[in-house]
C-alpha atoms as a PDB file:
ATOM      1  CA  UNK A   1       0.000   0.000   0.000  1.00  0.00           C
ATOM      2  CA  UNK A   2       1.289   3.438  -0.911  1.00  0.00           C
ATOM      3  CA  UNK A   3       1.752   5.935   1.902  1.00  0.00           C
ATOM      4  CA  UNK A   4      -0.617   8.731   0.893  1.00  0.00           C
ATOM      5  CA  UNK A   5      -0.368  10.669   4.114  1.00  0.00           C
ATOM      6  CA  UNK A   6      -0.470  14.387   3.423  1.00  0.00           C
ATOM      7  CA  UNK A   7      -1.779  14.097  -0.117  1.00  0.00           C
ATOM      8  CA  UNK A   8      -4.908  15.960  -1.133  1.00  0.00           C
ATOM      9  CA  UNK A   9      -8.523  14.854  -1.434  1.00  0.00           C
ATOM     10  CA  UNK A  10     -10.907  16.049  -4.137  1.00  0.00           C
ATOM     11  CA  UNK A  11     -11.865  19.316  -2.424  1.00  0.00           C
ATOM     12  CA  UNK A  12      -8.252  20.049  -1.522  1.00  0.00           C
ATOM     13  CA  UNK A  13      -7.140  19.435  -5.109  1.00  0.00           C
ATOM     14  CA  UNK A  14      -9.663  22.008  -6.318  1.00  0.00           C
ATOM     15  CA  UNK A  15      -8.332  24.444  -3.719  1.00  0.00           C
ATOM     16  CA  UNK A  16      -4.821  23.774  -5.006  1.00  0.00           C
ATOM     17  CA  UNK A  17      -6.076  24.506  -8.506  1.00  0.00           C
ATOM     18  CA  UNK A  18      -7.451  27.826  -7.288  1.00  0.00           C
ATOM     19  CA  UNK A  19      -4.082  28.579  -5.711  1.00  0.00           C
ATOM     20  CA  UNK A  20      -2.314  27.776  -8.972  1.00  0.00           C
ATOM     21  CA  UNK A  21      -4.612  30.216 -10.794  1.00  0.00           C
ATOM     22  CA  UNK A  22      -3.827  32.902  -8.223  1.00  0.00           C
ATOM     23  CA  UNK A  23      -0.070  32.370  -8.488  1.00  0.00           C
ATOM     24  CA  UNK A  24      -0.227  32.185 -12.290  1.00  0.00           C
ATOM     25  CA  UNK A  25      -2.008  35.540 -12.458  1.00  0.00           C
ATOM     26  CA  UNK A  26       0.457  37.169 -10.078  1.00  0.00           C
ATOM     27  CA  UNK A  27       3.416  35.721 -11.961  1.00  0.00           C
ATOM     28  CA  UNK A  28       1.996  36.868 -15.304  1.00  0.00           C
ATOM     29  CA  UNK A  29       1.665  40.389 -13.933  1.00  0.00           C
ATOM     30  CA  UNK A  30       5.255  40.243 -12.710  1.00  0.00           C
ATOM     31  CA  UNK A  31       6.317  39.154 -16.162  1.00  0.00           C
ATOM     32  CA  UNK A  32       4.353  42.013 -17.726  1.00  0.00           C
ATOM     33  CA  UNK A  33       5.947  44.482 -15.340  1.00  0.00           C
ATOM     34  CA  UNK A  34       9.390  43.057 -16.114  1.00  0.00           C
ATOM     35  CA  UNK A  35       8.663  43.421 -19.817  1.00  0.00           C
ATOM     36  CA  UNK A  36       7.616  47.046 -19.438  1.00  0.00           C
ATOM     37  CA  UNK A  37      10.679  47.705 -17.283  1.00  0.00           C
ATOM     38  CA  UNK A  38      12.839  46.202 -20.010  1.00  0.00           C
ATOM     39  CA  UNK A  39      11.222  48.510 -22.573  1.00  0.00           C
ATOM     40  CA  UNK A  40      11.901  51.511 -20.314  1.00  0.00           C
ATOM     41  CA  UNK A  41      15.513  50.433 -19.878  1.00  0.00           C
ATOM     42  CA  UNK A  42      15.920  50.059 -23.626  1.00  0.00           C
ATOM     43  CA  UNK A  43      14.422  53.506 -24.231  1.00  0.00           C
ATOM     44  CA  UNK A  44      16.718  55.053 -21.611  1.00  0.00           C
ATOM     45  CA  UNK A  45      19.738  53.388 -23.169  1.00  0.00           C
ATOM     46  CA  UNK A  46      18.813  54.710 -26.608  1.00  0.00           C
ATOM     47  CA  UNK A  47      18.344  58.213 -25.150  1.00  0.00           C
ATOM     48  CA  UNK A  48      21.749  58.128 -23.480  1.00  0.00           C
ATOM     49  CA  UNK A  49      23.321  57.007 -26.744  1.00  0.00           C
ATOM     50  CA  UNK A  50      21.911  60.193 -28.248  1.00  0.00           C
ATOM     51  CA  UNK A  51      23.489  62.358 -25.556  1.00  0.00           C
ATOM     52  CA  UNK A  52      20.542  62.683 -23.169  1.00  0.00           C
ATOM     53  CA  UNK A  53      22.037  62.778 -19.670  1.00  0.00           C
ATOM     54  CA  UNK A  54      18.889  62.582 -17.509  1.00  0.00           C
ATOM     55  CA  UNK A  55      16.656  59.738 -18.662  1.00  0.00           C
ATOM     56  CA  UNK A  56      14.491  59.310 -15.556  1.00  0.00           C
ATOM     57  CA  UNK A  57      11.586  61.045 -17.251  1.00  0.00           C
ATOM     58  CA  UNK A  58      11.494  58.245 -19.817  1.00  0.00           C
ATOM     59  CA  UNK A  59      10.529  55.633 -17.192  1.00  0.00           C
ATOM     60  CA  UNK A  60       6.800  54.852 -17.186  1.00  0.00           C
ATOM     61  CA  UNK A  61       5.963  57.027 -20.165  1.00  0.00           C
ATOM     62  CA  UNK A  62       3.412  54.514 -21.442  1.00  0.00           C
ATOM     63  CA  UNK A  63       1.169  53.580 -18.494  1.00  0.00           C
ATOM     64  CA  UNK A  64      -1.532  50.925 -18.847  1.00  0.00           C
ATOM     65  CA  UNK A  65      -4.968  52.389 -19.451  1.00  0.00           C
ATOM     66  CA  UNK A  66      -8.018  51.195 -17.458  1.00  0.00           C
ATOM     67  CA  UNK A  67      -9.343  49.502 -20.599  1.00  0.00           C
ATOM     68  CA  UNK A  68      -6.075  47.667 -21.139  1.00  0.00           C
ATOM     69  CA  UNK A  69      -6.091  46.580 -17.497  1.00  0.00           C
ATOM     70  CA  UNK A  70      -9.646  45.240 -17.821  1.00  0.00           C
ATOM     71  CA  UNK A  71      -8.762  43.363 -20.995  1.00  0.00           C
ATOM     72  CA  UNK A  72      -5.638  41.965 -19.350  1.00  0.00           C
ATOM     73  CA  UNK A  73      -7.603  40.764 -16.310  1.00  0.00           C
ATOM     74  CA  UNK A  74     -10.190  39.103 -18.565  1.00  0.00           C
ATOM     75  CA  UNK A  75      -7.399  37.411 -20.501  1.00  0.00           C
ATOM     76  CA  UNK A  76      -5.938  35.986 -17.299  1.00  0.00           C
ATOM     77  CA  UNK A  77      -9.338  34.732 -16.124  1.00  0.00           C
ATOM     78  CA  UNK A  78      -9.961  32.959 -19.414  1.00  0.00           C
ATOM     79  CA  UNK A  79      -6.460  31.514 -19.693  1.00  0.00           C
ATOM     80  CA  UNK A  80      -6.434  29.774 -16.317  1.00  0.00           C
ATOM     81  CA  UNK A  81     -10.117  29.070 -15.632  1.00  0.00           C
ATOM     82  CA  UNK A  82      -9.815  25.368 -16.546  1.00  0.00           C
ATOM     83  CA  UNK A  83      -7.219  24.531 -13.914  1.00  0.00           C
ATOM     84  CA  UNK A  84      -9.298  24.097 -10.693  1.00  0.00           C
ATOM     85  CA  UNK A  85     -11.787  21.658 -12.229  1.00  0.00           C
ATOM     86  CA  UNK A  86      -8.966  19.746 -13.925  1.00  0.00           C
ATOM     87  CA  UNK A  87      -7.231  19.112 -10.610  1.00  0.00           C
ATOM     88  CA  UNK A  88     -10.542  18.349  -8.910  1.00  0.00           C
ATOM     89  CA  UNK A  89     -11.195  15.617 -11.476  1.00  0.00           C
ATOM     90  CA  UNK A  90      -8.153  13.697 -10.272  1.00  0.00           C
ATOM     91  CA  UNK A  91      -9.889  13.258  -6.916  1.00  0.00           C
ATOM     92  CA  UNK A  92     -12.017  10.498  -8.463  1.00  0.00           C
ATOM     93  CA  UNK A  93     -12.141   7.631  -7.888  1.00  0.00           C
ATOM     94  CA  UNK A  94     -11.526   8.032  -4.180  1.00  0.00           C
ATOM     95  CA  UNK A  95      -9.195   5.197  -3.080  1.00  0.00           C
ATOM     96  CA  UNK A  96     -10.980   5.004   0.272  1.00  0.00           C
ATOM     97  CA  UNK A  97     -14.183   3.932  -1.502  1.00  0.00           C
ATOM     98  CA  UNK A  98     -12.574   0.546  -2.190  1.00  0.00           C
ATOM     99  CA  UNK A  99     -12.186  -0.285   1.504  1.00  0.00           C
ATOM    100  CA  UNK A 100     -15.679  -1.797   1.780  1.00  0.00           C
ATOM    101  CA  UNK A 101     -15.435  -4.209  -1.137  1.00  0.00           C
ATOM    102  CA  UNK A 102     -11.890  -5.184  -0.143  1.00  0.00           C
ATOM    103  CA  UNK A 103     -13.122  -6.006   3.351  1.00  0.00           C
ATOM    104  CA  UNK A 104     -16.037  -8.063   1.997  1.00  0.00           C
ATOM    105  CA  UNK A 105     -13.845  -9.972  -0.450  1.00  0.00           C
ATOM    106  CA  UNK A 106     -11.269 -10.641   2.247  1.00  0.00           C
ATOM    107  CA  UNK A 107     -14.039 -12.119   4.384  1.00  0.00           C
ATOM    108  CA  UNK A 108     -15.048 -14.474   1.570  1.00  0.00           C
ATOM    109  CA  UNK A 109     -11.410 -15.338   0.984  1.00  0.00           C
ATOM    110  CA  UNK A 110     -10.962 -16.105   4.665  1.00  0.00           C
ATOM    111  CA  UNK A 111     -14.047 -18.318   4.709  1.00  0.00           C
ATOM    112  CA  UNK A 112     -12.626 -20.487   1.941  1.00  0.00           C
ATOM    113  CA  UNK A 113      -9.006 -20.267   3.093  1.00  0.00           C
ATOM    114  CA  UNK A 114      -8.022 -18.600  -0.151  1.00  0.00           C
ATOM    115  CA  UNK A 115      -4.625 -17.313   0.973  1.00  0.00           C
ATOM    116  CA  UNK A 116      -1.696 -18.675   2.931  1.00  0.00           C
ATOM    117  CA  UNK A 117      -2.553 -16.405   5.844  1.00  0.00           C
ATOM    118  CA  UNK A 118      -6.194 -17.530   6.088  1.00  0.00           C
ATOM    119  CA  UNK A 119      -7.747 -20.694   7.497  1.00  0.00           C
ATOM    120  CA  UNK A 120     -10.784 -22.329   5.956  1.00  0.00           C
ATOM    121  CA  UNK A 121     -14.009 -21.903   7.904  1.00  0.00           C
ATOM    122  CA  UNK A 122     -14.678 -24.960  10.057  1.00  0.00           C
ATOM    123  CA  UNK A 123     -18.260 -25.145   8.820  1.00  0.00           C
ATOM    124  CA  UNK A 124     -16.942 -26.285   5.447  1.00  0.00           C
ATOM    125  CA  UNK A 125     -15.597 -29.463   7.026  1.00  0.00           C
ATOM    126  CA  UNK A 126     -19.097 -30.976   6.903  1.00  0.00           C
ATOM    127  CA  UNK A 127     -18.187 -32.696   3.648  1.00  0.00           C
ATOM    128  CA  UNK A 128     -15.710 -34.973   5.423  1.00  0.00           C
ATOM    129  CA  UNK A 129     -18.294 -35.854   8.042  1.00  0.00           C
ATOM    130  CA  UNK A 130     -20.888 -36.523   5.357  1.00  0.00           C
ATOM    131  CA  UNK A 131     -18.511 -38.898   3.596  1.00  0.00           C
ATOM    132  CA  UNK A 132     -18.201 -41.041   6.693  1.00  0.00           C
ATOM    133  CA  UNK A 133     -21.938 -40.938   7.307  1.00  0.00           C
ATOM    134  CA  UNK A 134     -22.840 -42.555   3.976  1.00  0.00           C
ATOM    135  CA  UNK A 135     -19.970 -45.018   3.686  1.00  0.00           C
ATOM    136  CA  UNK A 136     -22.371 -47.905   4.388  1.00  0.00           C
ATOM    137  CA  UNK A 137     -24.937 -46.664   1.895  1.00  0.00           C
ATOM    138  CA  UNK A 138     -25.237 -48.130  -1.546  1.00  0.00           C
ATOM    139  CA  UNK A 139     -27.309 -47.351  -4.565  1.00  0.00           C
ATOM    140  CA  UNK A 140     -27.519 -44.730  -7.280  1.00  0.00           C
ATOM    141  CA  UNK A 141     -28.248 -41.843  -4.960  1.00  0.00           C
ATOM    142  CA  UNK A 142     -25.428 -42.641  -2.539  1.00  0.00           C
ATOM    143  CA  UNK A 143     -22.887 -43.135  -5.314  1.00  0.00           C
ATOM    144  CA  UNK A 144     -23.899 -39.936  -7.084  1.00  0.00           C
ATOM    145  CA  UNK A 145     -23.851 -37.955  -3.850  1.00  0.00           C
ATOM    146  CA  UNK A 146     -20.412 -39.259  -2.950  1.00  0.00           C
ATOM    147  CA  UNK A 147     -18.706 -39.077  -6.353  1.00  0.00           C
ATOM    148  CA  UNK A 148     -20.307 -35.939  -7.749  1.00  0.00           C
ATOM    149  CA  UNK A 149     -20.668 -33.772  -4.638  1.00  0.00           C
ATOM    150  CA  UNK A 150     -18.847 -34.884  -1.506  1.00  0.00           C
ATOM    151  CA  UNK A 151     -15.629 -36.019  -3.188  1.00  0.00           C
ATOM    152  CA  UNK A 152     -14.997 -33.004  -5.471  1.00  0.00           C
ATOM    153  CA  UNK A 153     -16.413 -30.358  -3.117  1.00  0.00           C
ATOM    154  CA  UNK A 154     -13.191 -29.706  -1.120  1.00  0.00           C
ATOM    155  CA  UNK A 155     -11.360 -28.920  -4.354  1.00  0.00           C
ATOM    156  CA  UNK A 156     -14.235 -26.717  -5.496  1.00  0.00           C
ATOM    157  CA  UNK A 157     -14.085 -24.875  -2.166  1.00  0.00           C
ATOM    158  CA  UNK A 158     -10.342 -24.344  -2.524  1.00  0.00           C
ATOM    159  CA  UNK A 159     -10.824 -22.986  -6.028  1.00  0.00           C
ATOM    160  CA  UNK A 160     -13.455 -20.529  -4.842  1.00  0.00           C
ATOM    161  CA  UNK A 161     -11.024 -19.400  -2.169  1.00  0.00           C
ATOM    162  CA  UNK A 162      -8.409 -18.688  -4.829  1.00  0.00           C
ATOM    163  CA  UNK A 163     -10.945 -16.831  -6.952  1.00  0.00           C
ATOM    164  CA  UNK A 164     -11.768 -14.661  -3.942  1.00  0.00           C
ATOM    165  CA  UNK A 165      -8.051 -14.143  -3.327  1.00  0.00           C
ATOM    166  CA  UNK A 166      -7.447 -12.930  -6.882  1.00  0.00           C
ATOM    167  CA  UNK A 167     -10.417 -10.559  -6.671  1.00  0.00           C
ATOM    168  CA  UNK A 168      -9.203  -9.225  -3.325  1.00  0.00           C
ATOM    169  CA  UNK A 169      -5.745  -8.563  -4.723  1.00  0.00           C
ATOM    170  CA  UNK A 170      -7.246  -6.965  -7.826  1.00  0.00           C
ATOM    171  CA  UNK A 171      -9.231  -4.511  -5.715  1.00  0.00           C
ATOM    172  CA  UNK A 172      -6.211  -3.761  -3.536  1.00  0.00           C
ATOM    173  CA  UNK A 173      -4.157  -3.183  -6.656  1.00  0.00           C
ATOM    174  CA  UNK A 174      -6.805  -0.925  -8.163  1.00  0.00           C
ATOM    175  CA  UNK A 175      -6.960   1.043  -4.924  1.00  0.00           C
ATOM    176  CA  UNK A 176      -3.195   1.362  -5.075  1.00  0.00           C
ATOM    177  CA  UNK A 177      -3.384   2.757  -8.607  1.00  0.00           C
ATOM    178  CA  UNK A 178      -5.666   5.550  -7.447  1.00  0.00           C
ATOM    179  CA  UNK A 179      -3.513   6.147  -4.385  1.00  0.00           C
ATOM    180  CA  UNK A 180      -0.625   6.609  -6.810  1.00  0.00           C
ATOM    181  CA  UNK A 181      -2.706   9.042  -8.841  1.00  0.00           C
ATOM    182  CA  UNK A 182      -3.540  10.944  -5.660  1.00  0.00           C
ATOM    183  CA  UNK A 183       0.112  11.073  -4.680  1.00  0.00           C
ATOM    184  CA  UNK A 184       1.381  12.237  -8.060  1.00  0.00           C
ATOM    185  CA  UNK A 185      -1.285  14.858  -8.780  1.00  0.00           C
ATOM    186  CA  UNK A 186      -0.763  16.297  -5.292  1.00  0.00           C
ATOM    187  CA  UNK A 187       2.979  16.529  -5.875  1.00  0.00           C
ATOM    188  CA  UNK A 188       2.390  18.090  -9.283  1.00  0.00           C
ATOM    189  CA  UNK A 189       0.154  20.762  -7.749  1.00  0.00           C
ATOM    190  CA  UNK A 190       2.721  21.640  -5.086  1.00  0.00           C
ATOM    191  CA  UNK A 191       5.595  21.742  -7.568  1.00  0.00           C
ATOM    192  CA  UNK A 192       3.611  23.930  -9.959  1.00  0.00           C
ATOM    193  CA  UNK A 193       2.813  26.450  -7.223  1.00  0.00           C
ATOM    194  CA  UNK A 194       6.445  26.460  -6.132  1.00  0.00           C
ATOM    195  CA  UNK A 195       7.645  27.182  -9.651  1.00  0.00           C
ATOM    196  CA  UNK A 196       5.032  29.846 -10.373  1.00  0.00           C
ATOM    197  CA  UNK A 197       6.204  31.772  -7.317  1.00  0.00           C
ATOM    198  CA  UNK A 198       9.599  32.035  -9.010  1.00  0.00           C
ATOM    199  CA  UNK A 199       8.324  33.175 -12.389  1.00  0.00           C
ATOM    200  CA  UNK A 200       8.768  36.861 -13.139  1.00  0.00           C
ATOM    201  CA  UNK A 201      11.426  37.293 -10.439  1.00  0.00           C
ATOM    202  CA  UNK A 202      15.096  37.868 -11.061  1.00  0.00           C
ATOM    203  CA  UNK A 203      18.222  36.235  -9.715  1.00  0.00           C
ATOM    204  CA  UNK A 204      21.006  38.313 -11.168  1.00  0.00           C
ATOM    205  CA  UNK A 205      20.492  38.290 -14.922  1.00  0.00           C
ATOM    206  CA  UNK A 206      18.639  34.991 -15.076  1.00  0.00           C
ATOM    207  CA  UNK A 207      15.037  34.119 -14.413  1.00  0.00           C
ATOM    208  CA  UNK A 208      14.786  31.515 -11.680  1.00  0.00           C
ATOM    209  CA  UNK A 209      13.937  28.085 -12.991  1.00  0.00           C
ATOM    210  CA  UNK A 210      13.187  24.766 -11.418  1.00  0.00           C
ATOM    211  CA  UNK A 211       9.924  22.868 -11.862  1.00  0.00           C
ATOM    212  CA  UNK A 212      10.554  19.133 -11.872  1.00  0.00           C
ATOM    213  CA  UNK A 213       7.648  16.701 -11.792  1.00  0.00           C
ATOM    214  CA  UNK A 214       8.206  13.057 -10.948  1.00  0.00           C
ATOM    215  CA  UNK A 215       6.553  10.795 -13.486  1.00  0.00           C
ATOM    216  CA  UNK A 216       3.969   8.263 -12.387  1.00  0.00           C
ATOM    217  CA  UNK A 217       5.788   4.971 -12.901  1.00  0.00           C
ATOM    218  CA  UNK A 218       3.648   1.919 -12.348  1.00  0.00           C
ATOM    219  CA  UNK A 219       3.863  -1.743 -13.054  1.00  0.00           C
ATOM    220  CA  UNK A 220       1.595  -4.697 -12.660  1.00  0.00           C
ATOM    221  CA  UNK A 221       3.170  -8.006 -11.728  1.00  0.00           C
ATOM    222  CA  UNK A 222       1.160 -10.753 -13.371  1.00  0.00           C
ATOM    223  CA  UNK A 223       2.003 -14.253 -12.198  1.00  0.00           C
ATOM    224  CA  UNK A 224       0.487 -17.686 -12.476  1.00  0.00           C
ATOM    225  CA  UNK A 225      -1.382 -18.730  -9.360  1.00  0.00           C
ATOM    226  CA  UNK A 226      -1.749 -22.505  -9.072  1.00  0.00           C
ATOM    227  CA  UNK A 227      -4.752 -23.751  -7.153  1.00  0.00           C
ATOM    228  CA  UNK A 228      -4.803 -27.021  -5.199  1.00  0.00           C
ATOM    229  CA  UNK A 229      -5.966 -29.999  -7.197  1.00  0.00           C
ATOM    230  CA  UNK A 230      -7.842 -33.024  -5.961  1.00  0.00           C
ATOM    231  CA  UNK A 231     -10.776 -35.341  -6.470  1.00  0.00           C
ATOM    232  CA  UNK A 232     -11.138 -38.291  -8.770  1.00  0.00           C
ATOM    233  CA  UNK A 233     -13.270 -36.700 -11.454  1.00  0.00           C
ATOM    234  CA  UNK A 234     -11.316 -35.832 -14.573  1.00  0.00           C
ATOM    235  CA  UNK A 235     -13.116 -32.501 -14.614  1.00  0.00           C
ATOM    236  CA  UNK A 236     -12.416 -31.514 -11.025  1.00  0.00           C
ATOM    237  CA  UNK A 237      -8.816 -30.351 -10.852  1.00  0.00           C
ATOM    238  CA  UNK A 238      -7.069 -27.273  -9.595  1.00  0.00           C
ATOM    239  CA  UNK A 239      -7.369 -24.217 -11.809  1.00  0.00           C
ATOM    240  CA  UNK A 240      -4.644 -21.730 -12.702  1.00  0.00           C
ATOM    241  CA  UNK A 241      -5.680 -18.079 -12.629  1.00  0.00           C
ATOM    242  CA  UNK A 242      -3.845 -14.984 -13.743  1.00  0.00           C
ATOM    243  CA  UNK A 243      -2.940 -13.065 -10.620  1.00  0.00           C
ATOM    244  CA  UNK A 244      -2.347  -9.464  -9.610  1.00  0.00           C
ATOM    245  CA  UNK A 245       0.173  -8.488  -6.968  1.00  0.00           C
ATOM    246  CA  UNK A 246      -1.392  -5.581  -5.141  1.00  0.00           C
ATOM    247  CA  UNK A 247       1.881  -4.571  -3.519  1.00  0.00           C
ATOM    248  CA  UNK A 248       3.607  -3.800  -6.817  1.00  0.00           C
ATOM    249  CA  UNK A 249       0.939  -1.972  -8.784  1.00  0.00           C
ATOM    250  CA  UNK A 250       2.620   1.367  -8.046  1.00  0.00           C
ATOM    251  CA  UNK A 251       6.290   2.061  -7.409  1.00  0.00           C
ATOM    252  CA  UNK A 252       7.883   5.077  -5.802  1.00  0.00           C
ATOM    253  CA  UNK A 253      10.503   5.359  -8.525  1.00  0.00           C
ATOM    254  CA  UNK A 254      11.165   8.740 -10.098  1.00  0.00           C
ATOM    255  CA  UNK A 255      12.416   9.735 -13.514  1.00  0.00           C
ATOM    256  CA  UNK A 256      16.169   9.754 -13.957  1.00  0.00           C
ATOM    257  CA  UNK A 257      17.726  13.242 -14.234  1.00  0.00           C
ATOM    258  CA  UNK A 258      17.317  14.547 -17.729  1.00  0.00           C
ATOM    259  CA  UNK A 259      14.797  11.875 -18.636  1.00  0.00           C
ATOM    260  CA  UNK A 260      11.628  13.520 -17.405  1.00  0.00           C
ATOM    261  CA  UNK A 261      12.561  16.955 -16.063  1.00  0.00           C
ATOM    262  CA  UNK A 262      10.141  19.650 -17.120  1.00  0.00           C
ATOM    263  CA  UNK A 263      10.158  23.346 -16.333  1.00  0.00           C
ATOM    264  CA  UNK A 264      10.047  26.764 -17.890  1.00  0.00           C
ATOM    265  CA  UNK A 265      11.160  30.362 -17.714  1.00  0.00           C
ATOM    266  CA  UNK A 266       7.683  31.808 -18.165  1.00  0.00           C
ATOM    267  CA  UNK A 267       4.223  31.198 -16.764  1.00  0.00           C
ATOM    268  CA  UNK A 268       3.159  29.711 -20.086  1.00  0.00           C
ATOM    269  CA  UNK A 269       6.079  27.279 -19.925  1.00  0.00           C
ATOM    270  CA  UNK A 270       5.180  26.197 -16.401  1.00  0.00           C
ATOM    271  CA  UNK A 271       1.485  25.767 -17.188  1.00  0.00           C
ATOM    272  CA  UNK A 272       2.378  23.709 -20.256  1.00  0.00           C
ATOM    273  CA  UNK A 273       4.702  21.571 -18.134  1.00  0.00           C
ATOM    274  CA  UNK A 274       1.895  21.123 -15.613  1.00  0.00           C
ATOM    275  CA  UNK A 275      -0.522  20.105 -18.358  1.00  0.00           C
ATOM    276  CA  UNK A 276       2.000  17.620 -19.746  1.00  0.00           C
ATOM    277  CA  UNK A 277       2.441  16.180 -16.262  1.00  0.00           C
ATOM    278  CA  UNK A 278      -1.302  15.732 -15.880  1.00  0.00           C
ATOM    279  CA  UNK A 279      -1.452  13.957 -19.235  1.00  0.00           C
ATOM    280  CA  UNK A 280       1.345  11.600 -18.239  1.00  0.00           C
ATOM    281  CA  UNK A 281      -0.394  10.722 -14.987  1.00  0.00           C
ATOM    282  CA  UNK A 282      -3.675  10.073 -16.818  1.00  0.00           C
ATOM    283  CA  UNK A 283      -1.947   7.898 -19.401  1.00  0.00           C
ATOM    284  CA  UNK A 284      -0.101   5.810 -16.821  1.00  0.00           C
ATOM    285  CA  UNK A 285      -3.205   5.311 -14.688  1.00  0.00           C
ATOM    286  CA  UNK A 286      -5.218   4.272 -17.742  1.00  0.00           C
ATOM    287  CA  UNK A 287      -2.548   1.769 -18.776  1.00  0.00           C
ATOM    288  CA  UNK A 288      -2.509   0.187 -15.325  1.00  0.00           C
ATOM    289  CA  UNK A 289      -6.303   0.029 -15.229  1.00  0.00           C
ATOM    290  CA  UNK A 290      -6.266  -1.827 -18.530  1.00  0.00           C
ATOM    291  CA  UNK A 291      -3.727  -4.318 -17.198  1.00  0.00           C
ATOM    292  CA  UNK A 292      -6.016  -5.127 -14.282  1.00  0.00           C
ATOM    293  CA  UNK A 293      -9.001  -5.396 -16.624  1.00  0.00           C
ATOM    294  CA  UNK A 294      -7.029  -7.711 -18.912  1.00  0.00           C
ATOM    295  CA  UNK A 295      -6.153 -10.051 -16.045  1.00  0.00           C
ATOM    296  CA  UNK A 296      -9.723 -10.150 -14.743  1.00  0.00           C
ATOM    297  CA  UNK A 297     -11.140 -10.624 -18.246  1.00  0.00           C
ATOM    298  CA  UNK A 298      -8.838 -13.586 -18.818  1.00  0.00           C
ATOM    299  CA  UNK A 299     -10.006 -15.163 -15.573  1.00  0.00           C
ATOM    300  CA  UNK A 300     -13.638 -14.427 -16.409  1.00  0.00           C
ATOM    301  CA  UNK A 301     -13.326 -16.202 -19.745  1.00  0.00           C
ATOM    302  CA  UNK A 302     -11.769 -19.240 -18.065  1.00  0.00           C
ATOM    303  CA  UNK A 303     -14.429 -19.426 -15.340  1.00  0.00           C
ATOM    304  CA  UNK A 304     -17.250 -18.906 -17.827  1.00  0.00           C
ATOM    305  CA  UNK A 305     -15.866 -21.760 -19.909  1.00  0.00           C
ATOM    306  CA  UNK A 306     -15.847 -24.049 -16.879  1.00  0.00           C
ATOM    307  CA  UNK A 307     -19.426 -23.161 -16.089  1.00  0.00           C
ATOM    308  CA  UNK A 308     -20.517 -23.904 -19.653  1.00  0.00           C
ATOM    309  CA  UNK A 309     -18.600 -27.180 -19.502  1.00  0.00           C
ATOM    310  CA  UNK A 310     -20.493 -28.206 -16.386  1.00  0.00           C
ATOM    311  CA  UNK A 311     -23.845 -27.351 -17.920  1.00  0.00           C
ATOM    312  CA  UNK A 312     -23.144 -29.270 -21.123  1.00  0.00           C
ATOM    313  CA  UNK A 313     -21.388 -32.310 -19.649  1.00  0.00           C
ATOM    314  CA  UNK A 314     -23.588 -32.712 -16.566  1.00  0.00           C
ATOM    315  CA  UNK A 315     -20.407 -33.375 -14.607  1.00  0.00           C
ATOM    316  CA  UNK A 316     -18.626 -31.577 -11.765  1.00  0.00           C
ATOM    317  CA  UNK A 317     -16.154 -28.849 -12.717  1.00  0.00           C
ATOM    318  CA  UNK A 318     -13.362 -27.168 -10.747  1.00  0.00           C
ATOM    319  CA  UNK A 319     -15.841 -24.508  -9.624  1.00  0.00           C
ATOM    320  CA  UNK A 320     -19.196 -26.296  -9.362  1.00  0.00           C
ATOM    321  CA  UNK A 321     -20.589 -29.698  -8.348  1.00  0.00           C
ATOM    322  CA  UNK A 322     -22.781 -31.709 -10.668  1.00  0.00           C
ATOM    323  CA  UNK A 323     -26.290 -30.315 -10.873  1.00  0.00           C
ATOM    324  CA  UNK A 324     -28.775 -32.730  -9.241  1.00  0.00           C
ATOM    325  CA  UNK A 325     -31.162 -34.703 -11.427  1.00  0.00           C
ATOM    326  CA  UNK A 326     -33.835 -37.297 -10.716  1.00  0.00           C
ATOM    327  CA  UNK A 327     -32.516 -40.724 -11.720  1.00  0.00           C
ATOM    328  CA  UNK A 328     -35.969 -42.213 -12.305  1.00  0.00           C
ATOM    329  CA  UNK A 329     -38.767 -39.752 -12.906  1.00  0.00           C
ATOM    330  CA  UNK A 330     -41.379 -42.512 -12.489  1.00  0.00           C
ATOM    331  CA  UNK A 331     -39.938 -43.561  -9.159  1.00  0.00           C
ATOM    332  CA  UNK A 332     -38.073 -40.559  -7.658  1.00  0.00           C
ATOM    333  CA  UNK A 333     -37.394 -42.419  -4.394  1.00  0.00           C
ATOM    334  CA  UNK A 334     -35.346 -45.126  -6.092  1.00  0.00           C
ATOM    335  CA  UNK A 335     -31.855 -45.434  -4.695  1.00  0.00           C
ATOM    336  CA  UNK A 336     -32.645 -43.493  -1.538  1.00  0.00           C
ATOM    337  CA  UNK A 337     -32.529 -46.514   0.749  1.00  0.00           C
ATOM    338  CA  UNK A 338     -29.647 -48.819   1.694  1.00  0.00           C
ATOM    339  CA  UNK A 339     -29.523 -52.010  -0.309  1.00  0.00           C
ATOM    340  CA  UNK A 340     -30.046 -55.327   1.433  1.00  0.00           C
ATOM    341  CA  UNK A 341     -32.625 -56.775   3.824  1.00  0.00           C
ATOM    342  CA  UNK A 342     -34.922 -54.232   5.435  1.00  0.00           C
END
């Protein structure tokens, strides 16, 4: 599980977006003031080259009119208005919303003993007791009950435990993906604000630089998960399911220097870098989602095939016992009594 302590929820991400807009507007005004100051300096230099000794009167000769100020403010509003809602959108899905289904799946997994750390529910041991109870019984019913239900059922139970385990890990992994998204978008917001505060300021002759956003590097570990086999039926064997390792969905790795560094001298550069960072996060999250979907789809196809096999063959499968049928519709009670003298 990723440590997401200190990262921002949906409302906080929107607030960070608002803060980015504020800093972007302030930085743009600083840039505009720097530009006008540069024009004044150029005009003063040209005047001195023409022999004008006192050039102070040249400074601020072209002030901004109220109309220009209004147009400039409207331009800033329009340019950055998309940012708060864009950051807010990364608050969904909320990783915490997966806690309930993970808890429920873990309970099912524990009931069936689906992982090494869980123990099968004692109530499921009734099959062993039932076997001993009907050992002296003979007849069609007893044989069918023993061979098609009691004998394969432990393997079927184990397989259901492994199915629950895979689903639990898939949900944990999916939650981890969105925790990674939460972590990276929060870091991107903070780094963007930090860089915008530097835009339009001077450090000697050079504009301060320095926005670096860590890329969202994720990987899904897909491994074969062998399920216990058992039973005498040729259909009832252990199944192998594609698995998801929830602990390795997201890594904390960062981009190597020079490989993913992004920044800019101007507000436009920083905002573009921020937008690129958001796109990279979205792309990586989408790719990891598709990997999880691919694994689950593969398992779904396998389990669906087993179910269809059971329906068509009328035999037990690794995930289901044989469906009961009446051996003799004219005499449904046939085979229900022990053979021999009554």
